[in-house]
Amino acid sequence: VSTQSTGAPKSYNYPVEDKPCTFKLKVPTKKGEKQSYVLGSLQRIIDFGTTLVFAFFDPLSLELTVAWAGDSKAVLFSEDEKSEYYPTDLTVDHNCSYPKEVQRIKKLGLSHFTSDGYLTTNTPININQIQLTRALGHDVLCNYGVTWEPEIRKTTITYADKALVIASDGLWDNLEYEEVTQVLMEKKNPLSAAQEMIKRVTSLCSSSDDIDNVS
């Protein structure tokens, strides 16, 4: 396995117990080994996975079903009596701040939480830290409680509901609900609204180091 085959950068900045650290890429020398980032005896296997949000609307029953794993969000924007939009979260982030997920992970007894809110394995050498407790594609951390199984919520859509915005934290960490509401009210066309949100997020992140989730 080579650096070129995965596109992995030669170094990776990641906090360890609240301290910023730089891990160096280690290319496997033996068959079956995984690429990893190392810092002394600490090792982070390249095992990042992805989040998921799925929404299905039944026009006959007016029922909206949302299934999700991870911290990507589905937010429903509705119109009040003043013709102004307001948001309703249809998802809850699957991370170490969600009590339901913390309880589920602790029951397994395979991992623990660091002081800065990360999930890590109970192993003496490998340290595979992540804030997500559900995600797809984690070959290693799926053995320590990070599950692909989605959480499901159903809600009935009414005439007051005007827009459903599904996006990763690349959007939600950079745009406040008020700004998303403004875009939705100004851009009545769904495609135009989505393009405007992307434009604003990329503009905000282009001058900072926070580009990972908007790449």
C-alpha atoms as a PDB file:
ATOM      1  CA  VAL A   1       0.000   0.000   0.000  1.00  0.00           C
ATOM      2  CA  SER A   2       1.421   3.385  -0.920  1.00  0.00           C
ATOM      3  CA  THR A   3       0.645   6.971  -0.011  1.00  0.00           C
ATOM      4  CA  GLN A   4      -0.366   7.587  -3.600  1.00  0.00           C
ATOM      5  CA  SER A   5      -2.950   4.787  -3.617  1.00  0.00           C
ATOM      6  CA  THR A   6      -4.998   6.245  -0.756  1.00  0.00           C
ATOM      7  CA  GLY A   7      -4.165   9.923  -1.074  1.00  0.00           C
ATOM      8  CA  ALA A   8      -3.373  10.078   2.645  1.00  0.00           C
ATOM      9  CA  PRO A   9      -1.363  13.175   3.693  1.00  0.00           C
ATOM     10  CA  LYS A  10       2.098  12.605   5.207  1.00  0.00           C
ATOM     11  CA  SER A  11       1.046  14.064   8.549  1.00  0.00           C
ATOM     12  CA  TYR A  12      -2.186  14.470  10.470  1.00  0.00           C
ATOM     13  CA  ASN A  13      -2.998  16.868  13.310  1.00  0.00           C
ATOM     14  CA  TYR A  14      -5.099  15.324  16.055  1.00  0.00           C
ATOM     15  CA  PRO A  15      -5.663  16.167  19.738  1.00  0.00           C
ATOM     16  CA  VAL A  16      -4.547  13.772  22.458  1.00  0.00           C
ATOM     17  CA  GLU A  17      -5.929  14.542  25.911  1.00  0.00           C
ATOM     18  CA  ASP A  18      -6.635  18.161  24.949  1.00  0.00           C
ATOM     19  CA  LYS A  19      -3.169  18.705  23.475  1.00  0.00           C
ATOM     20  CA  PRO A  20      -2.644  19.286  19.713  1.00  0.00           C
ATOM     21  CA  CYS A  21      -0.345  16.625  18.264  1.00  0.00           C
ATOM     22  CA  THR A  22       1.062  15.801  14.839  1.00  0.00           C
ATOM     23  CA  PHE A  23       0.938  12.158  13.787  1.00  0.00           C
ATOM     24  CA  LYS A  24       3.198  10.954  10.949  1.00  0.00           C
ATOM     25  CA  LEU A  25       2.035   8.614   8.202  1.00  0.00           C
ATOM     26  CA  LYS A  26       3.409   5.075   8.427  1.00  0.00           C
ATOM     27  CA  VAL A  27       3.244   3.079   5.199  1.00  0.00           C
ATOM     28  CA  PRO A  28       2.770  -0.706   5.727  1.00  0.00           C
ATOM     29  CA  THR A  29       5.796  -2.892   5.046  1.00  0.00           C
ATOM     30  CA  LYS A  30       4.052  -6.226   5.539  1.00  0.00           C
ATOM     31  CA  LYS A  31       1.109  -7.795   3.765  1.00  0.00           C
ATOM     32  CA  GLY A  32      -2.157  -7.311   5.642  1.00  0.00           C
ATOM     33  CA  GLU A  33      -1.006  -4.242   7.566  1.00  0.00           C
ATOM     34  CA  LYS A  34      -3.048  -1.061   7.428  1.00  0.00           C
ATOM     35  CA  GLN A  35      -1.789   2.441   6.819  1.00  0.00           C
ATOM     36  CA  SER A  36      -1.705   4.389  10.047  1.00  0.00           C
ATOM     37  CA  TYR A  37      -0.608   7.612  11.671  1.00  0.00           C
ATOM     38  CA  VAL A  38       1.847   7.258  14.543  1.00  0.00           C
ATOM     39  CA  LEU A  39       3.124   9.462  17.351  1.00  0.00           C
ATOM     40  CA  GLY A  40       5.597   7.576  19.504  1.00  0.00           C
ATOM     41  CA  SER A  41       3.739   4.498  20.757  1.00  0.00           C
ATOM     42  CA  LEU A  42       0.348   5.913  19.744  1.00  0.00           C
ATOM     43  CA  GLN A  43      -1.178   4.685  16.505  1.00  0.00           C
ATOM     44  CA  ARG A  44      -4.259   5.832  14.562  1.00  0.00           C
ATOM     45  CA  ILE A  45      -5.221   3.362  11.850  1.00  0.00           C
ATOM     46  CA  ILE A  46      -6.645   5.043   8.743  1.00  0.00           C
ATOM     47  CA  ASP A  47     -10.203   3.959   9.385  1.00  0.00           C
ATOM     48  CA  PHE A  48     -12.350   7.052   9.087  1.00  0.00           C
ATOM     49  CA  GLY A  49     -15.647   5.865   7.567  1.00  0.00           C
ATOM     50  CA  THR A  50     -18.549   8.177   6.780  1.00  0.00           C
ATOM     51  CA  THR A  51     -21.891   9.386   8.115  1.00  0.00           C
ATOM     52  CA  LEU A  52     -25.309   8.878   6.564  1.00  0.00           C
ATOM     53  CA  VAL A  53     -28.758  10.479   6.496  1.00  0.00           C
ATOM     54  CA  PHE A  54     -31.598   8.920   4.507  1.00  0.00           C
ATOM     55  CA  ALA A  55     -35.062  10.436   4.145  1.00  0.00           C
ATOM     56  CA  PHE A  56     -38.163   8.917   2.541  1.00  0.00           C
ATOM     57  CA  PHE A  57     -41.453  10.766   2.109  1.00  0.00           C
ATOM     58  CA  ASP A  58     -44.696   8.869   1.534  1.00  0.00           C
ATOM     59  CA  PRO A  59     -47.084  11.244  -0.309  1.00  0.00           C
ATOM     60  CA  LEU A  60     -50.103   9.071   0.534  1.00  0.00           C
ATOM     61  CA  SER A  61     -49.690   9.003   4.302  1.00  0.00           C
ATOM     62  CA  LEU A  62     -47.684  12.279   4.429  1.00  0.00           C
ATOM     63  CA  GLU A  63     -45.200  10.432   6.635  1.00  0.00           C
ATOM     64  CA  LEU A  64     -41.518  11.342   6.515  1.00  0.00           C
ATOM     65  CA  THR A  65     -39.066   8.665   7.625  1.00  0.00           C
ATOM     66  CA  VAL A  66     -35.509   9.670   8.482  1.00  0.00           C
ATOM     67  CA  ALA A  67     -32.708   7.195   9.218  1.00  0.00           C
ATOM     68  CA  TRP A  68     -29.247   8.343  10.194  1.00  0.00           C
ATOM     69  CA  ALA A  69     -25.875   7.245  11.555  1.00  0.00           C
ATOM     70  CA  GLY A  70     -23.324   9.811  12.663  1.00  0.00           C
ATOM     71  CA  ASP A  71     -23.443  13.583  12.978  1.00  0.00           C
ATOM     72  CA  SER A  72     -24.914  14.618   9.644  1.00  0.00           C
ATOM     73  CA  LYS A  73     -28.261  16.312  10.227  1.00  0.00           C
ATOM     74  CA  ALA A  74     -31.762  16.471   8.789  1.00  0.00           C
ATOM     75  CA  VAL A  75     -33.501  19.721   9.738  1.00  0.00           C
ATOM     76  CA  LEU A  76     -37.106  20.501   8.870  1.00  0.00           C
ATOM     77  CA  PHE A  77     -37.962  24.168   8.270  1.00  0.00           C
ATOM     78  CA  SER A  78     -41.585  25.171   8.778  1.00  0.00           C
ATOM     79  CA  GLU A  79     -43.545  28.388   8.347  1.00  0.00           C
ATOM     80  CA  ASP A  80     -45.272  30.083  11.292  1.00  0.00           C
ATOM     81  CA  GLU A  81     -48.291  32.428  11.329  1.00  0.00           C
ATOM     82  CA  LYS A  82     -45.996  35.367  10.516  1.00  0.00           C
ATOM     83  CA  SER A  83     -44.752  33.595   7.366  1.00  0.00           C
ATOM     84  CA  GLU A  84     -41.327  33.159   8.940  1.00  0.00           C
ATOM     85  CA  TYR A  85     -39.393  29.888   8.907  1.00  0.00           C
ATOM     86  CA  TYR A  86     -38.285  28.027  12.042  1.00  0.00           C
ATOM     87  CA  PRO A  87     -36.146  24.850  12.294  1.00  0.00           C
ATOM     88  CA  THR A  88     -36.857  21.471  13.873  1.00  0.00           C
ATOM     89  CA  ASP A  89     -34.076  18.905  14.258  1.00  0.00           C
ATOM     90  CA  LEU A  90     -35.164  15.491  13.010  1.00  0.00           C
ATOM     91  CA  THR A  91     -31.845  13.894  13.981  1.00  0.00           C
ATOM     92  CA  VAL A  92     -29.569  13.848  17.011  1.00  0.00           C
ATOM     93  CA  ASP A  93     -25.794  13.673  16.559  1.00  0.00           C
ATOM     94  CA  HIS A  94     -24.404  10.229  17.338  1.00  0.00           C
ATOM     95  CA  ASN A  95     -21.381  11.296  19.350  1.00  0.00           C
ATOM     96  CA  CYS A  96     -19.929  11.234  22.829  1.00  0.00           C
ATOM     97  CA  SER A  97     -22.251  14.049  23.967  1.00  0.00           C
ATOM     98  CA  TYR A  98     -25.416  11.993  23.361  1.00  0.00           C
ATOM     99  CA  PRO A  99     -26.338  10.278  26.685  1.00  0.00           C
ATOM    100  CA  LYS A 100     -28.150   7.428  24.937  1.00  0.00           C
ATOM    101  CA  GLU A 101     -25.024   6.599  22.939  1.00  0.00           C
ATOM    102  CA  VAL A 102     -22.702   6.948  25.926  1.00  0.00           C
ATOM    103  CA  GLN A 103     -24.836   4.437  27.822  1.00  0.00           C
ATOM    104  CA  ARG A 104     -24.810   2.023  24.869  1.00  0.00           C
ATOM    105  CA  ILE A 105     -21.020   2.198  24.519  1.00  0.00           C
ATOM    106  CA  LYS A 106     -20.377   1.768  28.246  1.00  0.00           C
ATOM    107  CA  LYS A 107     -22.539  -1.370  28.373  1.00  0.00           C
ATOM    108  CA  LEU A 108     -20.257  -3.021  25.798  1.00  0.00           C
ATOM    109  CA  GLY A 109     -17.169  -2.464  27.978  1.00  0.00           C
ATOM    110  CA  LEU A 110     -14.843  -2.470  24.966  1.00  0.00           C
ATOM    111  CA  SER A 111     -13.855   1.180  24.926  1.00  0.00           C
ATOM    112  CA  HIS A 112     -13.858   4.306  27.050  1.00  0.00           C
ATOM    113  CA  PHE A 113     -14.164   8.071  26.761  1.00  0.00           C
ATOM    114  CA  THR A 114     -11.235  10.479  27.011  1.00  0.00           C
ATOM    115  CA  SER A 115     -11.405  13.663  29.080  1.00  0.00           C
ATOM    116  CA  ASP A 116     -11.857  15.743  25.926  1.00  0.00           C
ATOM    117  CA  GLY A 117     -14.897  13.771  24.756  1.00  0.00           C
ATOM    118  CA  TYR A 118     -13.464  11.158  22.383  1.00  0.00           C
ATOM    119  CA  LEU A 119     -14.134   7.438  22.152  1.00  0.00           C
ATOM    120  CA  THR A 120     -10.996   5.287  22.273  1.00  0.00           C
ATOM    121  CA  THR A 121     -10.257   1.558  22.478  1.00  0.00           C
ATOM    122  CA  ASN A 122      -9.193  -0.245  25.644  1.00  0.00           C
ATOM    123  CA  THR A 123      -5.890  -1.365  24.144  1.00  0.00           C
ATOM    124  CA  PRO A 124      -2.392  -0.577  25.454  1.00  0.00           C
ATOM    125  CA  ILE A 125      -0.825   0.429  22.126  1.00  0.00           C
ATOM    126  CA  ASN A 126      -3.385   1.380  19.488  1.00  0.00           C
ATOM    127  CA  ILE A 127      -5.363   4.551  20.088  1.00  0.00           C
ATOM    128  CA  ASN A 128      -8.206   4.983  17.647  1.00  0.00           C
ATOM    129  CA  GLN A 129     -10.014   8.098  18.795  1.00  0.00           C
ATOM    130  CA  ILE A 130     -13.253   9.353  17.328  1.00  0.00           C
ATOM    131  CA  GLN A 131     -16.139  11.539  18.468  1.00  0.00           C
ATOM    132  CA  LEU A 132     -18.740   9.628  16.449  1.00  0.00           C
ATOM    133  CA  THR A 133     -20.419   6.576  17.949  1.00  0.00           C
ATOM    134  CA  ARG A 134     -22.198   5.518  14.742  1.00  0.00           C
ATOM    135  CA  ALA A 135     -20.783   5.558  11.220  1.00  0.00           C
ATOM    136  CA  LEU A 136     -20.302   3.425   8.112  1.00  0.00           C
ATOM    137  CA  GLY A 137     -16.964   1.925   7.139  1.00  0.00           C
ATOM    138  CA  HIS A 138     -15.006   1.725  10.389  1.00  0.00           C
ATOM    139  CA  ASP A 139     -13.327  -1.667  10.007  1.00  0.00           C
ATOM    140  CA  VAL A 140     -11.493  -1.361  13.325  1.00  0.00           C
ATOM    141  CA  LEU A 141     -13.743   0.696  15.562  1.00  0.00           C
ATOM    142  CA  CYS A 142     -16.837  -1.329  14.626  1.00  0.00           C
ATOM    143  CA  ASN A 143     -15.361  -3.922  16.993  1.00  0.00           C
ATOM    144  CA  TYR A 144     -15.375  -1.388  19.817  1.00  0.00           C
ATOM    145  CA  GLY A 145     -18.908  -0.017  19.688  1.00  0.00           C
ATOM    146  CA  VAL A 146     -18.967   2.260  16.621  1.00  0.00           C
ATOM    147  CA  THR A 147     -21.956   0.773  14.826  1.00  0.00           C
ATOM    148  CA  TRP A 148     -23.412   1.301  11.359  1.00  0.00           C
ATOM    149  CA  GLU A 149     -26.951   0.626  12.639  1.00  0.00           C
ATOM    150  CA  PRO A 150     -29.094   3.730  12.011  1.00  0.00           C
ATOM    151  CA  GLU A 151     -31.523   5.442  14.340  1.00  0.00           C
ATOM    152  CA  ILE A 152     -34.964   5.971  12.783  1.00  0.00           C
ATOM    153  CA  ARG A 153     -37.534   8.716  13.311  1.00  0.00           C
ATOM    154  CA  LYS A 154     -40.938   9.238  11.686  1.00  0.00           C
ATOM    155  CA  THR A 155     -42.932  12.451  11.508  1.00  0.00           C
ATOM    156  CA  THR A 156     -46.077  13.608   9.717  1.00  0.00           C
ATOM    157  CA  ILE A 157     -45.612  16.465   7.242  1.00  0.00           C
ATOM    158  CA  THR A 158     -48.107  19.347   7.250  1.00  0.00           C
ATOM    159  CA  TYR A 159     -48.731  22.328   4.965  1.00  0.00           C
ATOM    160  CA  ALA A 160     -46.599  24.446   7.304  1.00  0.00           C
ATOM    161  CA  ASP A 161     -43.481  22.395   6.507  1.00  0.00           C
ATOM    162  CA  LYS A 162     -41.575  24.067   3.671  1.00  0.00           C
ATOM    163  CA  ALA A 163     -38.072  22.611   3.394  1.00  0.00           C
ATOM    164  CA  LEU A 164     -35.944  19.686   4.531  1.00  0.00           C
ATOM    165  CA  VAL A 165     -32.211  20.379   4.641  1.00  0.00           C
ATOM    166  CA  ILE A 166     -29.903  17.356   4.868  1.00  0.00           C
ATOM    167  CA  ALA A 167     -26.206  18.120   5.263  1.00  0.00           C
ATOM    168  CA  SER A 168     -23.015  17.098   7.016  1.00  0.00           C
ATOM    169  CA  ASP A 169     -21.328  19.044   9.793  1.00  0.00           C
ATOM    170  CA  GLY A 170     -19.394  20.811   7.063  1.00  0.00           C
ATOM    171  CA  LEU A 171     -22.514  22.959   6.712  1.00  0.00           C
ATOM    172  CA  TRP A 172     -24.023  22.882  10.195  1.00  0.00           C
ATOM    173  CA  ASP A 173     -20.728  23.732  11.940  1.00  0.00           C
ATOM    174  CA  ASN A 174     -20.331  26.828   9.795  1.00  0.00           C
ATOM    175  CA  LEU A 175     -23.828  28.196   9.182  1.00  0.00           C
ATOM    176  CA  GLU A 176     -26.251  29.065  11.965  1.00  0.00           C
ATOM    177  CA  TYR A 177     -29.887  28.030  11.585  1.00  0.00           C
ATOM    178  CA  GLU A 178     -30.776  31.708  11.162  1.00  0.00           C
ATOM    179  CA  GLU A 179     -28.557  31.974   8.099  1.00  0.00           C
ATOM    180  CA  VAL A 180     -29.933  28.762   6.584  1.00  0.00           C
ATOM    181  CA  THR A 181     -33.439  30.109   7.213  1.00  0.00           C
ATOM    182  CA  GLN A 182     -32.522  33.336   5.432  1.00  0.00           C
ATOM    183  CA  VAL A 183     -31.255  31.442   2.391  1.00  0.00           C
ATOM    184  CA  LEU A 184     -34.403  29.292   2.232  1.00  0.00           C
ATOM    185  CA  MET A 185     -36.685  32.323   2.375  1.00  0.00           C
ATOM    186  CA  GLU A 186     -34.710  34.205  -0.263  1.00  0.00           C
ATOM    187  CA  LYS A 187     -34.119  31.289  -2.631  1.00  0.00           C
ATOM    188  CA  LYS A 188     -37.443  29.572  -3.274  1.00  0.00           C
ATOM    189  CA  ASN A 189     -35.819  27.115  -5.688  1.00  0.00           C
ATOM    190  CA  PRO A 190     -34.241  24.108  -3.853  1.00  0.00           C
ATOM    191  CA  LEU A 191     -31.206  23.927  -6.156  1.00  0.00           C
ATOM    192  CA  SER A 192     -30.505  27.646  -5.838  1.00  0.00           C
ATOM    193  CA  ALA A 193     -30.781  27.419  -2.049  1.00  0.00           C
ATOM    194  CA  ALA A 194     -28.384  24.464  -1.898  1.00  0.00           C
ATOM    195  CA  GLN A 195     -25.874  26.208  -4.152  1.00  0.00           C
ATOM    196  CA  GLU A 196     -26.009  29.365  -2.037  1.00  0.00           C
ATOM    197  CA  MET A 197     -25.373  27.412   1.178  1.00  0.00           C
ATOM    198  CA  ILE A 198     -22.397  25.632  -0.387  1.00  0.00           C
ATOM    199  CA  LYS A 199     -21.053  28.945  -1.652  1.00  0.00           C
ATOM    200  CA  ARG A 200     -21.236  30.504   1.809  1.00  0.00           C
ATOM    201  CA  VAL A 201     -19.639  27.536   3.567  1.00  0.00           C
ATOM    202  CA  THR A 202     -16.739  27.208   1.138  1.00  0.00           C
ATOM    203  CA  SER A 203     -16.157  30.946   1.338  1.00  0.00           C
ATOM    204  CA  LEU A 204     -15.947  30.793   5.134  1.00  0.00           C
ATOM    205  CA  CYS A 205     -13.601  27.800   5.149  1.00  0.00           C
ATOM    206  CA  SER A 206     -11.313  28.745   2.273  1.00  0.00           C
ATOM    207  CA  SER A 207      -9.348  31.157   4.464  1.00  0.00           C
ATOM    208  CA  SER A 208      -9.022  28.767   7.432  1.00  0.00           C
ATOM    209  CA  ASP A 209      -7.707  25.318   8.247  1.00  0.00           C
ATOM    210  CA  ASP A 210     -11.242  23.955   8.639  1.00  0.00           C
ATOM    211  CA  ILE A 211     -11.594  22.503   5.142  1.00  0.00           C
ATOM    212  CA  ASP A 212     -11.790  18.777   5.859  1.00  0.00           C
ATOM    213  CA  ASN A 213     -15.584  18.564   6.054  1.00  0.00           C
ATOM    214  CA  VAL A 214     -16.221  20.788   3.031  1.00  0.00           C
ATOM    215  CA  SER A 215     -13.754  19.129   0.675  1.00  0.00           C
END
